[in-house]
Full PDB file with SEQRES, HELIX, SHEET, SSBOND, CRYST1, ORIGX, SCALE, CONECT and MASTER records, all heavy atoms in Angstrom:
SEQRES   1 A   34  VAL PRO GLY VAL GLU VAL TYR ALA TRP GLN GLY PHE VAL          
SEQRES   2 A   34  ALA PRO ALA GLY THR PRO ARG GLU VAL ILE ALA LYS LEU          
SEQRES   3 A   34  ASN SER ALA PHE ALA THR ALA MET                              
HELIX    1 AA1 ARG A   20  ALA A   33  1                                  14    
CRYST1    1.000    1.000    1.000  90.00  90.00  90.00 P 1           1          
ORIGX1      1.000000  0.000000  0.000000        0.00000                         
ORIGX2      0.000000  1.000000  0.000000        0.00000                         
ORIGX3      0.000000  0.000000  1.000000        0.00000                         
SCALE1      1.000000  0.000000  0.000000        0.00000                         
SCALE2      0.000000  1.000000  0.000000        0.00000                         
SCALE3      0.000000  0.000000  1.000000        0.00000                         
ATOM      1  N   VAL A   1     213.889 135.249 117.857  1.00  0.00           N  
ATOM      2  CA  VAL A   1     214.073 136.684 118.117  1.00  0.00           C  
ATOM      3  C   VAL A   1     215.082 137.219 117.122  1.00  0.00           C  
ATOM      4  O   VAL A   1     216.296 137.035 117.254  1.00  0.00           O  
ATOM      5  CB  VAL A   1     214.576 136.933 119.554  1.00  0.00           C  
ATOM      6  CG1 VAL A   1     214.614 138.433 119.862  1.00  0.00           C  
ATOM      7  CG2 VAL A   1     213.716 136.208 120.582  1.00  0.00           C  
ATOM      8  N   PRO A   2     214.622 137.909 116.064  1.00  0.00           N  
ATOM      9  CA  PRO A   2     215.530 138.381 115.009  1.00  0.00           C  
ATOM     10  C   PRO A   2     216.453 139.501 115.500  1.00  0.00           C  
ATOM     11  O   PRO A   2     216.114 140.257 116.403  1.00  0.00           O  
ATOM     12  CB  PRO A   2     214.564 138.881 113.938  1.00  0.00           C  
ATOM     13  CG  PRO A   2     213.337 139.272 114.696  1.00  0.00           C  
ATOM     14  CD  PRO A   2     213.232 138.281 115.825  1.00  0.00           C  
ATOM     15  N   GLY A   3     217.618 139.555 114.892  1.00  0.00           N  
ATOM     16  CA  GLY A   3     218.503 140.679 115.116  1.00  0.00           C  
ATOM     17  C   GLY A   3     219.386 140.627 116.342  1.00  0.00           C  
ATOM     18  O   GLY A   3     220.205 141.510 116.586  1.00  0.00           O  
ATOM     19  N   VAL A   4     219.233 139.575 117.167  1.00  0.00           N  
ATOM     20  CA  VAL A   4     220.009 139.495 118.417  1.00  0.00           C  
ATOM     21  C   VAL A   4     221.248 138.639 118.158  1.00  0.00           C  
ATOM     22  O   VAL A   4     221.316 137.467 118.497  1.00  0.00           O  
ATOM     23  CB  VAL A   4     219.191 138.938 119.598  1.00  0.00           C  
ATOM     24  CG1 VAL A   4     220.036 138.946 120.871  1.00  0.00           C  
ATOM     25  CG2 VAL A   4     217.926 139.771 119.800  1.00  0.00           C  
ATOM     26  N   GLU A   5     222.210 139.256 117.540  1.00  0.00           N  
ATOM     27  CA  GLU A   5     223.537 138.664 117.330  1.00  0.00           C  
ATOM     28  C   GLU A   5     224.527 139.581 118.042  1.00  0.00           C  
ATOM     29  O   GLU A   5     224.741 140.722 117.654  1.00  0.00           O  
ATOM     30  CB  GLU A   5     223.879 138.583 115.863  1.00  0.00           C  
ATOM     31  CG  GLU A   5     225.245 137.965 115.567  1.00  0.00           C  
ATOM     32  CD  GLU A   5     225.580 137.962 114.069  1.00  0.00           C  
ATOM     33  OE1 GLU A   5     224.663 137.772 113.249  1.00  0.00           O  
ATOM     34  OE2 GLU A   5     226.763 138.157 113.744  1.00  0.00           O  
ATOM     35  N   VAL A   6     225.111 139.098 119.117  1.00  0.00           N  
ATOM     36  CA  VAL A   6     225.952 139.927 119.978  1.00  0.00           C  
ATOM     37  C   VAL A   6     227.258 139.223 120.268  1.00  0.00           C  
ATOM     38  O   VAL A   6     227.285 138.147 120.878  1.00  0.00           O  
ATOM     39  CB  VAL A   6     225.236 140.255 121.308  1.00  0.00           C  
ATOM     40  CG1 VAL A   6     226.096 141.235 122.105  1.00  0.00           C  
ATOM     41  CG2 VAL A   6     223.865 140.833 121.063  1.00  0.00           C  
ATOM     42  N   TYR A   7     228.344 139.861 119.852  1.00  0.00           N  
ATOM     43  CA  TYR A   7     229.677 139.378 120.187  1.00  0.00           C  
ATOM     44  C   TYR A   7     230.369 140.411 121.046  1.00  0.00           C  
ATOM     45  O   TYR A   7     230.283 141.622 120.773  1.00  0.00           O  
ATOM     46  CB  TYR A   7     230.525 139.158 118.943  1.00  0.00           C  
ATOM     47  CG  TYR A   7     230.140 137.965 118.108  1.00  0.00           C  
ATOM     48  CD1 TYR A   7     229.207 138.085 117.088  1.00  0.00           C  
ATOM     49  CD2 TYR A   7     230.673 136.714 118.340  1.00  0.00           C  
ATOM     50  CE1 TYR A   7     228.835 136.987 116.314  1.00  0.00           C  
ATOM     51  CE2 TYR A   7     230.330 135.612 117.577  1.00  0.00           C  
ATOM     52  CZ  TYR A   7     229.415 135.746 116.565  1.00  0.00           C  
ATOM     53  OH  TYR A   7     229.056 134.668 115.813  1.00  0.00           O  
ATOM     54  N   ALA A   8     231.029 139.976 122.081  1.00  0.00           N  
ATOM     55  CA  ALA A   8     231.937 140.849 122.831  1.00  0.00           C  
ATOM     56  C   ALA A   8     233.266 140.806 122.094  1.00  0.00           C  
ATOM     57  O   ALA A   8     234.030 139.849 122.253  1.00  0.00           O  
ATOM     58  CB  ALA A   8     232.061 140.407 124.268  1.00  0.00           C  
ATOM     59  N   TRP A   9     233.511 141.773 121.246  1.00  0.00           N  
ATOM     60  CA  TRP A   9     234.730 141.757 120.432  1.00  0.00           C  
ATOM     61  C   TRP A   9     235.795 142.694 121.021  1.00  0.00           C  
ATOM     62  O   TRP A   9     235.489 143.563 121.816  1.00  0.00           O  
ATOM     63  CB  TRP A   9     234.429 142.138 118.988  1.00  0.00           C  
ATOM     64  CG  TRP A   9     233.706 143.446 118.783  1.00  0.00           C  
ATOM     65  CD1 TRP A   9     232.371 143.632 118.626  1.00  0.00           C  
ATOM     66  CD2 TRP A   9     234.293 144.768 118.681  1.00  0.00           C  
ATOM     67  NE1 TRP A   9     232.060 144.951 118.466  1.00  0.00           N  
ATOM     68  CE2 TRP A   9     233.219 145.680 118.466  1.00  0.00           C  
ATOM     69  CE3 TRP A   9     235.583 145.248 118.740  1.00  0.00           C  
ATOM     70  CZ2 TRP A   9     233.434 147.050 118.326  1.00  0.00           C  
ATOM     71  CZ3 TRP A   9     235.817 146.616 118.601  1.00  0.00           C  
ATOM     72  CH2 TRP A   9     234.731 147.507 118.386  1.00  0.00           C  
ATOM     73  N   GLN A  10     237.031 142.456 120.614  1.00  0.00           N  
ATOM     74  CA  GLN A  10     238.147 143.233 121.116  1.00  0.00           C  
ATOM     75  C   GLN A  10     239.044 143.678 119.974  1.00  0.00           C  
ATOM     76  O   GLN A  10     239.012 143.113 118.867  1.00  0.00           O  
ATOM     77  CB  GLN A  10     238.975 142.378 122.094  1.00  0.00           C  
ATOM     78  CG  GLN A  10     238.200 141.859 123.271  1.00  0.00           C  
ATOM     79  CD  GLN A  10     238.890 140.666 123.930  1.00  0.00           C  
ATOM     80  OE1 GLN A  10     239.624 139.935 123.300  1.00  0.00           O  
ATOM     81  NE2 GLN A  10     238.636 140.479 125.207  1.00  0.00           N  
ATOM     82  N   GLY A  11     239.855 144.674 120.232  1.00  0.00           N  
ATOM     83  CA  GLY A  11     240.824 145.137 119.248  1.00  0.00           C  
ATOM     84  C   GLY A  11     241.864 145.998 119.952  1.00  0.00           C  
ATOM     85  O   GLY A  11     241.663 146.429 121.078  1.00  0.00           O  
ATOM     86  N   PHE A  12     242.972 146.260 119.255  1.00  0.00           N  
ATOM     87  CA  PHE A  12     243.964 147.136 119.880  1.00  0.00           C  
ATOM     88  C   PHE A  12     244.352 148.279 118.982  1.00  0.00           C  
ATOM     89  O   PHE A  12     244.268 148.180 117.747  1.00  0.00           O  
ATOM     90  CB  PHE A  12     245.154 146.360 120.417  1.00  0.00           C  
ATOM     91  CG  PHE A  12     246.218 145.914 119.441  1.00  0.00           C  
ATOM     92  CD1 PHE A  12     247.513 146.398 119.539  1.00  0.00           C  
ATOM     93  CD2 PHE A  12     245.937 144.958 118.477  1.00  0.00           C  
ATOM     94  CE1 PHE A  12     248.509 145.964 118.675  1.00  0.00           C  
ATOM     95  CE2 PHE A  12     246.945 144.497 117.618  1.00  0.00           C  
ATOM     96  CZ  PHE A  12     248.207 145.008 117.702  1.00  0.00           C  
ATOM     97  N   VAL A  13     244.707 149.372 119.616  1.00  0.00           N  
ATOM     98  CA  VAL A  13     244.925 150.644 118.940  1.00  0.00           C  
ATOM     99  C   VAL A  13     246.160 151.330 119.516  1.00  0.00           C  
ATOM    100  O   VAL A  13     246.662 150.971 120.589  1.00  0.00           O  
ATOM    101  CB  VAL A  13     243.709 151.589 119.080  1.00  0.00           C  
ATOM    102  CG1 VAL A  13     242.451 150.969 118.494  1.00  0.00           C  
ATOM    103  CG2 VAL A  13     243.468 151.964 120.544  1.00  0.00           C  
ATOM    104  N   ALA A  14     246.581 152.358 118.810  1.00  0.00           N  
ATOM    105  CA  ALA A  14     247.625 153.270 119.299  1.00  0.00           C  
ATOM    106  C   ALA A  14     247.039 154.671 119.318  1.00  0.00           C  
ATOM    107  O   ALA A  14     245.967 154.907 118.763  1.00  0.00           O  
ATOM    108  CB  ALA A  14     248.841 153.213 118.369  1.00  0.00           C  
ATOM    109  N   PRO A  15     247.715 155.636 119.938  1.00  0.00           N  
ATOM    110  CA  PRO A  15     247.224 157.019 119.871  1.00  0.00           C  
ATOM    111  C   PRO A  15     247.198 157.511 118.426  1.00  0.00           C  
ATOM    112  O   PRO A  15     248.033 157.118 117.614  1.00  0.00           O  
ATOM    113  CB  PRO A  15     248.246 157.789 120.708  1.00  0.00           C  
ATOM    114  CG  PRO A  15     248.879 156.770 121.600  1.00  0.00           C  
ATOM    115  CD  PRO A  15     248.903 155.511 120.805  1.00  0.00           C  
ATOM    116  N   ALA A  16     246.240 158.351 118.122  1.00  0.00           N  
ATOM    117  CA  ALA A  16     246.169 158.952 116.786  1.00  0.00           C  
ATOM    118  C   ALA A  16     247.462 159.684 116.481  1.00  0.00           C  
ATOM    119  O   ALA A  16     248.053 160.308 117.375  1.00  0.00           O  
ATOM    120  CB  ALA A  16     244.998 159.920 116.735  1.00  0.00           C  
ATOM    121  N   GLY A  17     247.900 159.580 115.250  1.00  0.00           N  
ATOM    122  CA  GLY A  17     249.168 160.228 114.850  1.00  0.00           C  
ATOM    123  C   GLY A  17     250.365 159.321 114.902  1.00  0.00           C  
ATOM    124  O   GLY A  17     251.459 159.711 114.509  1.00  0.00           O  
ATOM    125  N   THR A  18     250.192 158.097 115.371  1.00  0.00           N  
ATOM    126  CA  THR A  18     251.288 157.132 115.376  1.00  0.00           C  
ATOM    127  C   THR A  18     251.712 156.851 113.937  1.00  0.00           C  
ATOM    128  O   THR A  18     250.848 156.646 113.073  1.00  0.00           O  
ATOM    129  CB  THR A  18     250.864 155.823 116.060  1.00  0.00           C  
ATOM    130  OG1 THR A  18     250.480 156.123 117.416  1.00  0.00           O  
ATOM    131  CG2 THR A  18     251.997 154.820 116.077  1.00  0.00           C  
ATOM    132  N   PRO A  19     253.004 156.847 113.631  1.00  0.00           N  
ATOM    133  CA  PRO A  19     253.463 156.639 112.244  1.00  0.00           C  
ATOM    134  C   PRO A  19     252.898 155.367 111.619  1.00  0.00           C  
ATOM    135  O   PRO A  19     252.769 154.338 112.293  1.00  0.00           O  
ATOM    136  CB  PRO A  19     254.982 156.557 112.389  1.00  0.00           C  
ATOM    137  CG  PRO A  19     255.295 157.341 113.625  1.00  0.00           C  
ATOM    138  CD  PRO A  19     254.138 157.104 114.544  1.00  0.00           C  
ATOM    139  N   ARG A  20     252.560 155.446 110.343  1.00  0.00           N  
ATOM    140  CA  ARG A  20     251.957 154.313 109.642  1.00  0.00           C  
ATOM    141  C   ARG A  20     252.913 153.104 109.678  1.00  0.00           C  
ATOM    142  O   ARG A  20     252.457 151.967 109.715  1.00  0.00           O  
ATOM    143  CB  ARG A  20     251.674 154.720 108.209  1.00  0.00           C  
ATOM    144  CG  ARG A  20     250.552 155.733 108.067  1.00  0.00           C  
ATOM    145  CD  ARG A  20     250.416 156.214 106.626  1.00  0.00           C  
ATOM    146  NE  ARG A  20     250.106 155.128 105.714  1.00  0.00           N  
ATOM    147  CZ  ARG A  20     248.862 154.758 105.414  1.00  0.00           C  
ATOM    148  NH1 ARG A  20     247.827 155.394 105.926  1.00  0.00           N  
ATOM    149  NH2 ARG A  20     248.647 153.768 104.562  1.00  0.00           N  
ATOM    150  N   GLU A  21     254.236 153.363 109.628  1.00  0.00           N  
ATOM    151  CA  GLU A  21     255.183 152.255 109.616  1.00  0.00           C  
ATOM    152  C   GLU A  21     255.113 151.473 110.930  1.00  0.00           C  
ATOM    153  O   GLU A  21     255.248 150.254 110.969  1.00  0.00           O  
ATOM    154  CB  GLU A  21     256.613 152.748 109.408  1.00  0.00           C  
ATOM    155  CG  GLU A  21     256.800 153.626 108.191  1.00  0.00           C  
ATOM    156  CD  GLU A  21     256.467 155.078 108.479  1.00  0.00           C  
ATOM    157  OE1 GLU A  21     256.761 155.578 109.586  1.00  0.00           O  
ATOM    158  OE2 GLU A  21     255.891 155.724 107.578  1.00  0.00           O  
ATOM    159  N   VAL A  22     254.902 152.208 112.021  1.00  0.00           N  
ATOM    160  CA  VAL A  22     254.804 151.569 113.339  1.00  0.00           C  
ATOM    161  C   VAL A  22     253.511 150.763 113.414  1.00  0.00           C  
ATOM    162  O   VAL A  22     253.499 149.630 113.911  1.00  0.00           O  
ATOM    163  CB  VAL A  22     254.888 152.631 114.457  1.00  0.00           C  
ATOM    164  CG1 VAL A  22     254.583 151.990 115.823  1.00  0.00           C  
ATOM    165  CG2 VAL A  22     256.260 153.277 114.470  1.00  0.00           C  
ATOM    166  N   ILE A  23     252.416 151.354 112.950  1.00  0.00           N  
ATOM    167  CA  ILE A  23     251.141 150.634 112.920  1.00  0.00           C  
ATOM    168  C   ILE A  23     251.266 149.344 112.120  1.00  0.00           C  
ATOM    169  O   ILE A  23     250.793 148.274 112.538  1.00  0.00           O  
ATOM    170  CB  ILE A  23     250.026 151.514 112.348  1.00  0.00           C  
ATOM    171  CG1 ILE A  23     249.786 152.765 113.209  1.00  0.00           C  
ATOM    172  CG2 ILE A  23     248.721 150.718 112.164  1.00  0.00           C  
ATOM    173  CD1 ILE A  23     249.246 152.465 114.580  1.00  0.00           C  
ATOM    174  N   ALA A  24     251.900 149.419 110.956  1.00  0.00           N  
ATOM    175  CA  ALA A  24     252.063 148.261 110.099  1.00  0.00           C  
ATOM    176  C   ALA A  24     252.907 147.186 110.773  1.00  0.00           C  
ATOM    177  O   ALA A  24     252.606 145.994 110.682  1.00  0.00           O  
ATOM    178  CB  ALA A  24     252.686 148.671 108.773  1.00  0.00           C  
ATOM    179  N   LYS A  25     253.941 147.602 111.501  1.00  0.00           N  
ATOM    180  CA  LYS A  25     254.794 146.641 112.173  1.00  0.00           C  
ATOM    181  C   LYS A  25     254.049 145.942 113.319  1.00  0.00           C  
ATOM    182  O   LYS A  25     254.190 144.722 113.512  1.00  0.00           O  
ATOM    183  CB  LYS A  25     256.053 147.311 112.691  1.00  0.00           C  
ATOM    184  CG  LYS A  25     257.161 146.345 113.093  1.00  0.00           C  
ATOM    185  CD  LYS A  25     258.498 147.059 113.216  1.00  0.00           C  
ATOM    186  CE  LYS A  25     259.636 146.074 113.415  1.00  0.00           C  
ATOM    187  NZ  LYS A  25     260.965 146.723 113.499  1.00  0.00           N  
ATOM    188  N   LEU A  26     253.252 146.699 114.046  1.00  0.00           N  
ATOM    189  CA  LEU A  26     252.454 146.118 115.130  1.00  0.00           C  
ATOM    190  C   LEU A  26     251.394 145.173 114.583  1.00  0.00           C  
ATOM    191  O   LEU A  26     251.173 144.088 115.126  1.00  0.00           O  
ATOM    192  CB  LEU A  26     251.798 147.231 115.942  1.00  0.00           C  
ATOM    193  CG  LEU A  26     252.722 148.039 116.858  1.00  0.00           C  
ATOM    194  CD1 LEU A  26     252.070 149.332 117.304  1.00  0.00           C  
ATOM    195  CD2 LEU A  26     253.104 147.211 118.074  1.00  0.00           C  
ATOM    196  N   ASN A  27     250.748 145.557 113.504  1.00  0.00           N  
ATOM    197  CA  ASN A  27     249.751 144.707 112.874  1.00  0.00           C  
ATOM    198  C   ASN A  27     250.359 143.377 112.418  1.00  0.00           C  
ATOM    199  O   ASN A  27     249.795 142.308 112.643  1.00  0.00           O  
ATOM    200  CB  ASN A  27     249.099 145.434 111.681  1.00  0.00           C  
ATOM    201  CG  ASN A  27     248.057 144.628 110.996  1.00  0.00           C  
ATOM    202  OD1 ASN A  27     248.368 143.796 110.124  1.00  0.00           O  
ATOM    203  ND2 ASN A  27     246.794 144.855 111.293  1.00  0.00           N  
ATOM    204  N   SER A  28     251.518 143.462 111.810  1.00  0.00           N  
ATOM    205  CA  SER A  28     252.198 142.259 111.320  1.00  0.00           C  
ATOM    206  C   SER A  28     252.638 141.372 112.493  1.00  0.00           C  
ATOM    207  O   SER A  28     252.484 140.131 112.413  1.00  0.00           O  
ATOM    208  CB  SER A  28     253.410 142.651 110.490  1.00  0.00           C  
ATOM    209  OG  SER A  28     254.138 141.511 110.062  1.00  0.00           O  
ATOM    210  N   ALA A  29     253.158 141.978 113.553  1.00  0.00           N  
ATOM    211  CA  ALA A  29     253.609 141.191 114.707  1.00  0.00           C  
ATOM    212  C   ALA A  29     252.431 140.477 115.358  1.00  0.00           C  
ATOM    213  O   ALA A  29     252.539 139.312 115.787  1.00  0.00           O  
ATOM    214  CB  ALA A  29     254.303 142.108 115.724  1.00  0.00           C  
ATOM    215  N   PHE A  30     251.305 141.153 115.447  1.00  0.00           N  
ATOM    216  CA  PHE A  30     250.114 140.542 116.041  1.00  0.00           C  
ATOM    217  C   PHE A  30     249.637 139.379 115.190  1.00  0.00           C  
ATOM    218  O   PHE A  30     249.305 138.289 115.712  1.00  0.00           O  
ATOM    219  CB  PHE A  30     248.996 141.569 116.183  1.00  0.00           C  
ATOM    220  CG  PHE A  30     247.705 140.979 116.655  1.00  0.00           C  
ATOM    221  CD1 PHE A  30     247.543 140.594 117.980  1.00  0.00           C  
ATOM    222  CD2 PHE A  30     246.663 140.778 115.767  1.00  0.00           C  
ATOM    223  CE1 PHE A  30     246.359 140.026 118.421  1.00  0.00           C  
ATOM    224  CE2 PHE A  30     245.479 140.203 116.187  1.00  0.00           C  
ATOM    225  CZ  PHE A  30     245.311 139.833 117.519  1.00  0.00           C  
ATOM    226  N   ALA A  31     249.571 139.566 113.864  1.00  0.00           N  
ATOM    227  CA  ALA A  31     249.133 138.495 112.967  1.00  0.00           C  
ATOM    228  C   ALA A  31     250.045 137.260 113.102  1.00  0.00           C  
ATOM    229  O   ALA A  31     249.562 136.114 113.077  1.00  0.00           O  
ATOM    230  CB  ALA A  31     249.106 139.007 111.542  1.00  0.00           C  
ATOM    231  N   THR A  32     251.322 137.512 113.237  1.00  0.00           N  
ATOM    232  CA  THR A  32     252.266 136.395 113.421  1.00  0.00           C  
ATOM    233  C   THR A  32     252.045 135.673 114.735  1.00  0.00           C  
ATOM    234  O   THR A  32     252.025 134.430 114.795  1.00  0.00           O  
ATOM    235  CB  THR A  32     253.708 136.913 113.332  1.00  0.00           C  
ATOM    236  OG1 THR A  32     253.922 137.508 112.053  1.00  0.00           O  
ATOM    237  CG2 THR A  32     254.712 135.761 113.524  1.00  0.00           C  
ATOM    238  N   ALA A  33     251.836 136.444 115.795  1.00  0.00           N  
ATOM    239  CA  ALA A  33     251.628 135.842 117.130  1.00  0.00           C  
ATOM    240  C   ALA A  33     250.379 134.983 117.159  1.00  0.00           C  
ATOM    241  O   ALA A  33     250.328 133.956 117.842  1.00  0.00           O  
ATOM    242  CB  ALA A  33     251.537 136.949 118.169  1.00  0.00           C  
ATOM    243  N   MET A  34     249.371 135.390 116.413  1.00  0.00           N  
ATOM    244  CA  MET A  34     248.102 134.638 116.413  1.00  0.00           C  
ATOM    245  C   MET A  34     248.198 133.287 115.731  1.00  0.00           C  
ATOM    246  O   MET A  34     247.309 132.471 115.837  1.00  0.00           O  
ATOM    247  CB  MET A  34     247.010 135.499 115.762  1.00  0.00           C  
ATOM    248  CG  MET A  34     246.629 136.719 116.577  1.00  0.00           C  
ATOM    249  SD  MET A  34     245.731 136.310 118.083  1.00  0.00           S  
ATOM    250  CE  MET A  34     244.081 136.163 117.475  1.00  0.00           C  
TER     251      MET A  34                                                      
MASTER        0    0    0    1    0    0    0    6  250    1    0    3          
END                                                                             
């Protein structure tokens, strides 16, 4: 059955307008935790 590749994926976000520095710090902290 072609084309049936399904992953239940996840991700995390902040509200739009969150400062880029804060986004970068959260991204880095998550990468370290993983």
